[in-house]
Amino acid sequence: MGELETEEQRTRAEVATYLRELADQLDDDGEVTLELGNRRVTLEPVDPITFKLEGESDWTAGEPEAKQSIEFEMVWRRAVQGDEDASLNVERTDQ
């Protein structure tokens, strides 16, 4: 088991570049490497993939700003032989 969940502020252009690179990796039918901040994880997506997309706006009357977000999630199931196949190795990239 393992999980990589992290966040950092980026420009719209930086996010677009990151998503394009992720899309290119998905097109290649091999491993997908996710890097954010000083952490990295490599996954091997397989078909079929369940794709979830959510857009949200959260605002309270009287507040000067609304918090808006776009979230997406991709889920797939893959065959495993044991713990090693099922685990997720999150690496630190600042060592």
PDB file of N, CA and C in Angstrom:
ATOM      1  N   MET A   1       0.849  -1.181   0.000  1.00  0.00           N
ATOM      2  CA  MET A   1       0.000   0.000   0.000  1.00  0.00           C
ATOM      3  C   MET A   1       0.890   1.238   0.000  1.00  0.00           C
ATOM      4  N   GLY A   2       0.331   2.336  -0.347  1.00  0.00           N
ATOM      5  CA  GLY A   2       1.033   3.601  -0.338  1.00  0.00           C
ATOM      6  C   GLY A   2       0.200   4.638  -1.039  1.00  0.00           C
ATOM      7  N   GLU A   3       0.571   5.875  -0.840  1.00  0.00           N
ATOM      8  CA  GLU A   3      -0.196   6.958  -1.442  1.00  0.00           C
ATOM      9  C   GLU A   3       0.695   8.175  -1.604  1.00  0.00           C
ATOM     10  N   LEU A   4       0.490   8.892  -2.674  1.00  0.00           N
ATOM     11  CA  LEU A   4       1.153  10.173  -2.883  1.00  0.00           C
ATOM     12  C   LEU A   4       0.064  11.214  -3.027  1.00  0.00           C
ATOM     13  N   GLU A   5      -0.029  12.085  -2.070  1.00  0.00           N
ATOM     14  CA  GLU A   5      -0.964  13.202  -2.151  1.00  0.00           C
ATOM     15  C   GLU A   5      -0.226  14.427  -1.644  1.00  0.00           C
ATOM     16  N   THR A   6      -0.052  15.381  -2.509  1.00  0.00           N
ATOM     17  CA  THR A   6       0.677  16.580  -2.152  1.00  0.00           C
ATOM     18  C   THR A   6       0.128  17.735  -2.963  1.00  0.00           C
ATOM     19  N   GLU A   7       0.435  18.939  -2.580  1.00  0.00           N
ATOM     20  CA  GLU A   7      -0.036  20.092  -3.341  1.00  0.00           C
ATOM     21  C   GLU A   7       0.981  21.212  -3.266  1.00  0.00           C
ATOM     22  N   GLU A   8       0.975  22.034  -4.299  1.00  0.00           N
ATOM     23  CA  GLU A   8       1.799  23.227  -4.334  1.00  0.00           C
ATOM     24  C   GLU A   8       1.169  24.204  -5.309  1.00  0.00           C
ATOM     25  N   GLN A   9       1.462  25.465  -5.133  1.00  0.00           N
ATOM     26  CA  GLN A   9       0.921  26.468  -6.043  1.00  0.00           C
ATOM     27  C   GLN A   9       1.762  26.524  -7.305  1.00  0.00           C
ATOM     28  N   ARG A  10       1.078  26.586  -8.442  1.00  0.00           N
ATOM     29  CA  ARG A  10       1.715  26.710  -9.751  1.00  0.00           C
ATOM     30  C   ARG A  10       0.878  27.659 -10.593  1.00  0.00           C
ATOM     31  N   THR A  11       1.453  28.134 -11.679  1.00  0.00           N
ATOM     32  CA  THR A  11       0.688  28.962 -12.602  1.00  0.00           C
ATOM     33  C   THR A  11      -0.208  28.059 -13.456  1.00  0.00           C
ATOM     34  N   ARG A  12      -1.191  28.675 -14.104  1.00  0.00           N
ATOM     35  CA  ARG A  12      -2.052  27.908 -15.010  1.00  0.00           C
ATOM     36  C   ARG A  12      -1.223  27.240 -16.097  1.00  0.00           C
ATOM     37  N   ALA A  13      -0.247  27.957 -16.632  1.00  0.00           N
ATOM     38  CA  ALA A  13       0.604  27.405 -17.693  1.00  0.00           C
ATOM     39  C   ALA A  13       1.401  26.202 -17.186  1.00  0.00           C
ATOM     40  N   GLU A  14       1.912  26.277 -15.965  1.00  0.00           N
ATOM     41  CA  GLU A  14       2.675  25.159 -15.402  1.00  0.00           C
ATOM     42  C   GLU A  14       1.787  23.932 -15.210  1.00  0.00           C
ATOM     43  N   VAL A  15       0.556  24.153 -14.744  1.00  0.00           N
ATOM     44  CA  VAL A  15      -0.378  23.041 -14.566  1.00  0.00           C
ATOM     45  C   VAL A  15      -0.716  22.416 -15.920  1.00  0.00           C
ATOM     46  N   ALA A  16      -0.946  23.255 -16.928  1.00  0.00           N
ATOM     47  CA  ALA A  16      -1.257  22.749 -18.270  1.00  0.00           C
ATOM     48  C   ALA A  16      -0.110  21.898 -18.809  1.00  0.00           C
ATOM     49  N   THR A  17       1.116  22.345 -18.619  1.00  0.00           N
ATOM     50  CA  THR A  17       2.281  21.579 -19.065  1.00  0.00           C
ATOM     51  C   THR A  17       2.349  20.235 -18.345  1.00  0.00           C
ATOM     52  N   TYR A  18       2.128  20.240 -17.035  1.00  0.00           N
ATOM     53  CA  TYR A  18       2.153  19.013 -16.237  1.00  0.00           C
ATOM     54  C   TYR A  18       1.108  18.022 -16.752  1.00  0.00           C
ATOM     55  N   LEU A  19      -0.113  18.515 -17.009  1.00  0.00           N
ATOM     56  CA  LEU A  19      -1.183  17.639 -17.479  1.00  0.00           C
ATOM     57  C   LEU A  19      -0.904  17.099 -18.881  1.00  0.00           C
ATOM     58  N   ARG A  20      -0.299  17.919 -19.742  1.00  0.00           N
ATOM     59  CA  ARG A  20       0.074  17.435 -21.082  1.00  0.00           C
ATOM     60  C   ARG A  20       1.109  16.311 -20.983  1.00  0.00           C
ATOM     61  N   GLU A  21       2.089  16.491 -20.104  1.00  0.00           N
ATOM     62  CA  GLU A  21       3.111  15.460 -19.920  1.00  0.00           C
ATOM     63  C   GLU A  21       2.494  14.176 -19.367  1.00  0.00           C
ATOM     64  N   LEU A  22       1.542  14.311 -18.455  1.00  0.00           N
ATOM     65  CA  LEU A  22       0.839  13.143 -17.923  1.00  0.00           C
ATOM     66  C   LEU A  22       0.053  12.451 -19.034  1.00  0.00           C
ATOM     67  N   ALA A  23      -0.635  13.233 -19.863  1.00  0.00           N
ATOM     68  CA  ALA A  23      -1.393  12.666 -20.982  1.00  0.00           C
ATOM     69  C   ALA A  23      -0.471  11.928 -21.950  1.00  0.00           C
ATOM     70  N   ASP A  24       0.693  12.491 -22.225  1.00  0.00           N
ATOM     71  CA  ASP A  24       1.657  11.826 -23.111  1.00  0.00           C
ATOM     72  C   ASP A  24       2.095  10.482 -22.536  1.00  0.00           C
ATOM     73  N   GLN A  25       2.312  10.433 -21.230  1.00  0.00           N
ATOM     74  CA  GLN A  25       2.701   9.175 -20.593  1.00  0.00           C
ATOM     75  C   GLN A  25       1.578   8.144 -20.704  1.00  0.00           C
ATOM     76  N   LEU A  26       0.326   8.575 -20.519  1.00  0.00           N
ATOM     77  CA  LEU A  26      -0.809   7.659 -20.645  1.00  0.00           C
ATOM     78  C   LEU A  26      -0.909   7.102 -22.061  1.00  0.00           C
ATOM     79  N   ASP A  27      -0.644   7.938 -23.052  1.00  0.00           N
ATOM     80  CA  ASP A  27      -0.688   7.501 -24.450  1.00  0.00           C
ATOM     81  C   ASP A  27       0.354   6.437 -24.766  1.00  0.00           C
ATOM     82  N   ASP A  28       1.463   6.433 -24.045  1.00  0.00           N
ATOM     83  CA  ASP A  28       2.559   5.504 -24.317  1.00  0.00           C
ATOM     84  C   ASP A  28       2.293   4.079 -23.829  1.00  0.00           C
ATOM     85  N   ASP A  29       1.207   3.834 -23.112  1.00  0.00           N
ATOM     86  CA  ASP A  29       0.831   2.498 -22.637  1.00  0.00           C
ATOM     87  C   ASP A  29       1.832   1.865 -21.681  1.00  0.00           C
ATOM     88  N   GLY A  30       2.655   2.650 -21.027  1.00  0.00           N
ATOM     89  CA  GLY A  30       3.621   2.091 -20.084  1.00  0.00           C
ATOM     90  C   GLY A  30       3.449   2.704 -18.709  1.00  0.00           C
ATOM     91  N   GLU A  31       4.556   2.933 -18.066  1.00  0.00           N
ATOM     92  CA  GLU A  31       4.545   3.518 -16.732  1.00  0.00           C
ATOM     93  C   GLU A  31       4.195   4.997 -16.789  1.00  0.00           C
ATOM     94  N   VAL A  32       3.595   5.469 -15.705  1.00  0.00           N
ATOM     95  CA  VAL A  32       3.287   6.884 -15.524  1.00  0.00           C
ATOM     96  C   VAL A  32       3.990   7.325 -14.251  1.00  0.00           C
ATOM     97  N   THR A  33       4.808   8.359 -14.347  1.00  0.00           N
ATOM     98  CA  THR A  33       5.518   8.884 -13.186  1.00  0.00           C
ATOM     99  C   THR A  33       4.893  10.205 -12.777  1.00  0.00           C
ATOM    100  N   LEU A  34       4.496  10.288 -11.512  1.00  0.00           N
ATOM    101  CA  LEU A  34       3.922  11.507 -10.954  1.00  0.00           C
ATOM    102  C   LEU A  34       4.964  12.155 -10.066  1.00  0.00           C
ATOM    103  N   GLU A  35       5.225  13.432 -10.290  1.00  0.00           N
ATOM    104  CA  GLU A  35       6.156  14.183  -9.453  1.00  0.00           C
ATOM    105  C   GLU A  35       5.499  15.478  -9.040  1.00  0.00           C
ATOM    106  N   LEU A  36       5.583  15.782  -7.762  1.00  0.00           N
ATOM    107  CA  LEU A  36       5.112  17.060  -7.265  1.00  0.00           C
ATOM    108  C   LEU A  36       5.922  17.390  -6.031  1.00  0.00           C
ATOM    109  N   GLY A  37       6.445  18.602  -6.011  1.00  0.00           N
ATOM    110  CA  GLY A  37       7.320  18.971  -4.910  1.00  0.00           C
ATOM    111  C   GLY A  37       8.537  18.076  -4.926  1.00  0.00           C
ATOM    112  N   ASN A  38       8.825  17.460  -3.798  1.00  0.00           N
ATOM    113  CA  ASN A  38      10.011  16.612  -3.698  1.00  0.00           C
ATOM    114  C   ASN A  38       9.653  15.126  -3.598  1.00  0.00           C
ATOM    115  N   ARG A  39       8.512  14.758  -4.175  1.00  0.00           N
ATOM    116  CA  ARG A  39       8.086  13.359  -4.100  1.00  0.00           C
ATOM    117  C   ARG A  39       7.737  12.835  -5.489  1.00  0.00           C
ATOM    118  N   ARG A  40       7.957  11.535  -5.663  1.00  0.00           N
ATOM    119  CA  ARG A  40       7.708  10.914  -6.967  1.00  0.00           C
ATOM    120  C   ARG A  40       7.182   9.492  -6.749  1.00  0.00           C
ATOM    121  N   VAL A  41       6.276   9.078  -7.626  1.00  0.00           N
ATOM    122  CA  VAL A  41       5.762   7.717  -7.608  1.00  0.00           C
ATOM    123  C   VAL A  41       5.534   7.283  -9.057  1.00  0.00           C
ATOM    124  N   THR A  42       5.772   6.011  -9.330  1.00  0.00           N
ATOM    125  CA  THR A  42       5.553   5.466 -10.665  1.00  0.00           C
ATOM    126  C   THR A  42       4.454   4.413 -10.593  1.00  0.00           C
ATOM    127  N   LEU A  43       3.495   4.526 -11.513  1.00  0.00           N
ATOM    128  CA  LEU A  43       2.359   3.615 -11.591  1.00  0.00           C
ATOM    129  C   LEU A  43       2.293   3.011 -12.987  1.00  0.00           C
ATOM    130  N   GLU A  44       1.570   1.897 -13.117  1.00  0.00           N
ATOM    131  CA  GLU A  44       1.379   1.255 -14.420  1.00  0.00           C
ATOM    132  C   GLU A  44      -0.114   1.093 -14.679  1.00  0.00           C
ATOM    133  N   PRO A  45      -0.762   2.123 -15.233  1.00  0.00           N
ATOM    134  CA  PRO A  45      -2.201   2.034 -15.504  1.00  0.00           C
ATOM    135  C   PRO A  45      -2.502   0.979 -16.570  1.00  0.00           C
ATOM    136  N   VAL A  46      -3.637   0.318 -16.412  1.00  0.00           N
ATOM    137  CA  VAL A  46      -4.109  -0.657 -17.395  1.00  0.00           C
ATOM    138  C   VAL A  46      -5.567  -0.343 -17.725  1.00  0.00           C
ATOM    139  N   ASP A  47      -5.990  -0.776 -18.897  1.00  0.00           N
ATOM    140  CA  ASP A  47      -7.390  -0.603 -19.289  1.00  0.00           C
ATOM    141  C   ASP A  47      -8.240  -1.676 -18.639  1.00  0.00           C
ATOM    142  N   PRO A  48      -9.492  -1.389 -18.332  1.00  0.00           N
ATOM    143  CA  PRO A  48     -10.147  -0.099 -18.482  1.00  0.00           C
ATOM    144  C   PRO A  48      -9.851   0.814 -17.299  1.00  0.00           C
ATOM    145  N   ILE A  49      -9.926   2.110 -17.538  1.00  0.00           N
ATOM    146  CA  ILE A  49      -9.731   3.119 -16.495  1.00  0.00           C
ATOM    147  C   ILE A  49     -11.063   3.820 -16.261  1.00  0.00           C
ATOM    148  N   THR A  50     -11.461   3.910 -14.994  1.00  0.00           N
ATOM    149  CA  THR A  50     -12.629   4.709 -14.632  1.00  0.00           C
ATOM    150  C   THR A  50     -12.141   6.126 -14.403  1.00  0.00           C
ATOM    151  N   PHE A  51     -12.736   7.083 -15.105  1.00  0.00           N
ATOM    152  CA  PHE A  51     -12.306   8.481 -15.052  1.00  0.00           C
ATOM    153  C   PHE A  51     -13.405   9.304 -14.399  1.00  0.00           C
ATOM    154  N   LYS A  52     -13.055   9.970 -13.297  1.00  0.00           N
ATOM    155  CA  LYS A  52     -14.005  10.800 -12.559  1.00  0.00           C
ATOM    156  C   LYS A  52     -13.551  12.248 -12.672  1.00  0.00           C
ATOM    157  N   LEU A  53     -14.476  13.131 -13.010  1.00  0.00           N
ATOM    158  CA  LEU A  53     -14.174  14.553 -13.149  1.00  0.00           C
ATOM    159  C   LEU A  53     -15.180  15.345 -12.333  1.00  0.00           C
ATOM    160  N   GLU A  54     -14.686  16.326 -11.562  1.00  0.00           N
ATOM    161  CA  GLU A  54     -15.552  17.119 -10.699  1.00  0.00           C
ATOM    162  C   GLU A  54     -15.150  18.586 -10.765  1.00  0.00           C
ATOM    163  N   GLY A  55     -16.123  19.447 -10.972  1.00  0.00           N
ATOM    164  CA  GLY A  55     -15.925  20.891 -10.879  1.00  0.00           C
ATOM    165  C   GLY A  55     -16.766  21.399  -9.727  1.00  0.00           C
ATOM    166  N   GLU A  56     -16.220  22.309  -8.924  1.00  0.00           N
ATOM    167  CA  GLU A  56     -16.914  22.730  -7.710  1.00  0.00           C
ATOM    168  C   GLU A  56     -16.654  24.199  -7.429  1.00  0.00           C
ATOM    169  N   SER A  57     -17.658  24.860  -6.861  1.00  0.00           N
ATOM    170  CA  SER A  57     -17.509  26.239  -6.401  1.00  0.00           C
ATOM    171  C   SER A  57     -18.092  26.331  -5.003  1.00  0.00           C
ATOM    172  N   ASP A  58     -17.310  26.848  -4.072  1.00  0.00           N
ATOM    173  CA  ASP A  58     -17.720  26.962  -2.674  1.00  0.00           C
ATOM    174  C   ASP A  58     -17.657  28.431  -2.284  1.00  0.00           C
ATOM    175  N   TRP A  59     -18.809  28.995  -1.941  1.00  0.00           N
ATOM    176  CA  TRP A  59     -18.864  30.411  -1.611  1.00  0.00           C
ATOM    177  C   TRP A  59     -19.839  30.622  -0.468  1.00  0.00           C
ATOM    178  N   THR A  60     -19.507  31.518   0.443  1.00  0.00           N
ATOM    179  CA  THR A  60     -20.370  31.908   1.544  1.00  0.00           C
ATOM    180  C   THR A  60     -20.782  33.354   1.329  1.00  0.00           C
ATOM    181  N   ALA A  61     -22.076  33.635   1.491  1.00  0.00           N
ATOM    182  CA  ALA A  61     -22.591  34.991   1.301  1.00  0.00           C
ATOM    183  C   ALA A  61     -21.788  35.983   2.131  1.00  0.00           C
ATOM    184  N   GLY A  62     -21.422  37.080   1.510  1.00  0.00           N
ATOM    185  CA  GLY A  62     -20.647  38.115   2.185  1.00  0.00           C
ATOM    186  C   GLY A  62     -19.150  37.973   2.010  1.00  0.00           C
ATOM    187  N   GLU A  63     -18.695  36.812   1.577  1.00  0.00           N
ATOM    188  CA  GLU A  63     -17.260  36.602   1.357  1.00  0.00           C
ATOM    189  C   GLU A  63     -16.849  37.230   0.030  1.00  0.00           C
ATOM    190  N   PRO A  64     -15.644  37.803  -0.041  1.00  0.00           N
ATOM    191  CA  PRO A  64     -15.212  38.454  -1.279  1.00  0.00           C
ATOM    192  C   PRO A  64     -14.728  37.476  -2.357  1.00  0.00           C
ATOM    193  N   GLU A  65     -14.487  36.220  -1.993  1.00  0.00           N
ATOM    194  CA  GLU A  65     -13.973  35.240  -2.949  1.00  0.00           C
ATOM    195  C   GLU A  65     -14.709  33.913  -2.805  1.00  0.00           C
ATOM    196  N   ALA A  66     -14.800  33.192  -3.901  1.00  0.00           N
ATOM    197  CA  ALA A  66     -15.321  31.825  -3.890  1.00  0.00           C
ATOM    198  C   ALA A  66     -14.154  30.880  -4.173  1.00  0.00           C
ATOM    199  N   LYS A  67     -14.111  29.780  -3.468  1.00  0.00           N
ATOM    200  CA  LYS A  67     -13.092  28.756  -3.731  1.00  0.00           C
ATOM    201  C   LYS A  67     -13.639  27.836  -4.817  1.00  0.00           C
ATOM    202  N   GLN A  68     -12.938  27.757  -5.928  1.00  0.00           N
ATOM    203  CA  GLN A  68     -13.359  26.896  -7.023  1.00  0.00           C
ATOM    204  C   GLN A  68     -12.281  25.853  -7.279  1.00  0.00           C
ATOM    205  N   SER A  69     -12.716  24.698  -7.750  1.00  0.00           N
ATOM    206  CA  SER A  69     -11.737  23.636  -7.971  1.00  0.00           C
ATOM    207  C   SER A  69     -12.173  22.713  -9.100  1.00  0.00           C
ATOM    208  N   ILE A  70     -11.181  22.067  -9.676  1.00  0.00           N
ATOM    209  CA  ILE A  70     -11.367  20.983 -10.634  1.00  0.00           C
ATOM    210  C   ILE A  70     -10.582  19.801 -10.079  1.00  0.00           C
ATOM    211  N   GLU A  71     -11.245  18.681  -9.960  1.00  0.00           N
ATOM    212  CA  GLU A  71     -10.577  17.474  -9.481  1.00  0.00           C
ATOM    213  C   GLU A  71     -10.809  16.362 -10.489  1.00  0.00           C
ATOM    214  N   PHE A  72      -9.788  15.562 -10.717  1.00  0.00           N
ATOM    215  CA  PHE A  72     -10.002  14.366 -11.519  1.00  0.00           C
ATOM    216  C   PHE A  72      -9.306  13.190 -10.867  1.00  0.00           C
ATOM    217  N   GLU A  73      -9.868  12.025 -11.132  1.00  0.00           N
ATOM    218  CA  GLU A  73      -9.354  10.788 -10.555  1.00  0.00           C
ATOM    219  C   GLU A  73      -9.441   9.694 -11.610  1.00  0.00           C
ATOM    220  N   MET A  74      -8.420   8.889 -11.687  1.00  0.00           N
ATOM    221  CA  MET A  74      -8.411   7.730 -12.575  1.00  0.00           C
ATOM    222  C   MET A  74      -8.202   6.491 -11.710  1.00  0.00           C
ATOM    223  N   VAL A  75      -9.041   5.489 -11.918  1.00  0.00           N
ATOM    224  CA  VAL A  75      -8.972   4.268 -11.116  1.00  0.00           C
ATOM    225  C   VAL A  75      -8.947   3.063 -12.051  1.00  0.00           C
ATOM    226  N   TRP A  76      -8.060   2.124 -11.771  1.00  0.00           N
ATOM    227  CA  TRP A  76      -7.990   0.876 -12.533  1.00  0.00           C
ATOM    228  C   TRP A  76      -7.619  -0.240 -11.575  1.00  0.00           C
ATOM    229  N   ARG A  77      -7.833  -1.458 -12.017  1.00  0.00           N
ATOM    230  CA  ARG A  77      -7.473  -2.638 -11.221  1.00  0.00           C
ATOM    231  C   ARG A  77      -6.490  -3.461 -12.026  1.00  0.00           C
ATOM    232  N   ARG A  78      -5.471  -3.935 -11.333  1.00  0.00           N
ATOM    233  CA  ARG A  78      -4.466  -4.753 -12.015  1.00  0.00           C
ATOM    234  C   ARG A  78      -4.203  -6.017 -11.200  1.00  0.00           C
ATOM    235  N   ALA A  79      -3.846  -7.065 -11.879  1.00  0.00           N
ATOM    236  CA  ALA A  79      -3.534  -8.331 -11.220  1.00  0.00           C
ATOM    237  C   ALA A  79      -2.240  -8.189 -10.429  1.00  0.00           C
ATOM    238  N   VAL A  80      -2.196  -8.803  -9.253  1.00  0.00           N
ATOM    239  CA  VAL A  80      -0.995  -8.775  -8.419  1.00  0.00           C
ATOM    240  C   VAL A  80      -0.666 -10.191  -7.959  1.00  0.00           C
ATOM    241  N   GLN A  81       0.615 -10.429  -7.723  1.00  0.00           N
ATOM    242  CA  GLN A  81       1.077 -11.726  -7.244  1.00  0.00           C
ATOM    243  C   GLN A  81       1.351 -11.714  -5.742  1.00  0.00           C
ATOM    244  N   GLY A  82       1.539 -10.520  -5.173  1.00  0.00           N
ATOM    245  CA  GLY A  82       1.851 -10.430  -3.753  1.00  0.00           C
ATOM    246  C   GLY A  82       2.030  -8.987  -3.330  1.00  0.00           C
ATOM    247  N   ASP A  83       2.578  -8.809  -2.124  1.00  0.00           N
ATOM    248  CA  ASP A  83       2.740  -7.478  -1.544  1.00  0.00           C
ATOM    249  C   ASP A  83       3.540  -6.533  -2.432  1.00  0.00           C
ATOM    250  N   GLU A  84       4.595  -7.042  -3.041  1.00  0.00           N
ATOM    251  CA  GLU A  84       5.462  -6.182  -3.852  1.00  0.00           C
ATOM    252  C   GLU A  84       4.708  -5.606  -5.052  1.00  0.00           C
ATOM    253  N   ASP A  85       3.882  -6.421  -5.702  1.00  0.00           N
ATOM    254  CA  ASP A  85       3.099  -5.949  -6.845  1.00  0.00           C
ATOM    255  C   ASP A  85       2.025  -4.945  -6.431  1.00  0.00           C
ATOM    256  N   ALA A  86       1.516  -5.100  -5.212  1.00  0.00           N
ATOM    257  CA  ALA A  86       0.404  -4.266  -4.758  1.00  0.00           C
ATOM    258  C   ALA A  86       0.860  -2.973  -4.095  1.00  0.00           C
ATOM    259  N   SER A  87       2.132  -2.871  -3.751  1.00  0.00           N
ATOM    260  CA  SER A  87       2.598  -1.701  -3.009  1.00  0.00           C
ATOM    261  C   SER A  87       2.892  -0.535  -3.943  1.00  0.00           C
ATOM    262  N   LEU A  88       2.932   0.644  -3.361  1.00  0.00           N
ATOM    263  CA  LEU A  88       3.239   1.872  -4.085  1.00  0.00           C
ATOM    264  C   LEU A  88       4.470   2.478  -3.434  1.00  0.00           C
ATOM    265  N   ASN A  89       5.519   2.650  -4.214  1.00  0.00           N
ATOM    266  CA  ASN A  89       6.779   3.151  -3.686  1.00  0.00           C
ATOM    267  C   ASN A  89       6.877   4.656  -3.922  1.00  0.00           C
ATOM    268  N   VAL A  90       6.683   5.441  -2.869  1.00  0.00           N
ATOM    269  CA  VAL A  90       6.794   6.900  -2.956  1.00  0.00           C
ATOM    270  C   VAL A  90       8.227   7.276  -2.619  1.00  0.00           C
ATOM    271  N   GLU A  91       8.889   7.962  -3.553  1.00  0.00           N
ATOM    272  CA  GLU A  91      10.293   8.343  -3.376  1.00  0.00           C
ATOM    273  C   GLU A  91      10.410   9.833  -3.108  1.00  0.00           C
ATOM    274  N   ARG A  92      11.382  10.189  -2.310  1.00  0.00           N
ATOM    275  CA  ARG A  92      11.732  11.602  -2.123  1.00  0.00           C
ATOM    276  C   ARG A  92      12.787  11.946  -3.162  1.00  0.00           C
ATOM    277  N   THR A  93      12.640  13.093  -3.809  1.00  0.00           N
ATOM    278  CA  THR A  93      13.570  13.478  -4.869  1.00  0.00           C
ATOM    279  C   THR A  93      14.595  14.502  -4.410  1.00  0.00           C
ATOM    280  N   ASP A  94      14.586  14.860  -3.136  1.00  0.00           N
ATOM    281  CA  ASP A  94      15.513  15.883  -2.638  1.00  0.00           C
ATOM    282  C   ASP A  94      16.677  15.290  -1.856  1.00  0.00           C
ATOM    283  N   GLN A  95      16.906  14.013  -1.977  1.00  0.00           N
ATOM    284  CA  GLN A  95      17.978  13.372  -1.202  1.00  0.00           C
ATOM    285  C   GLN A  95      19.278  13.387  -1.952  1.00  0.00           C
TER     286      GLN A  95
END
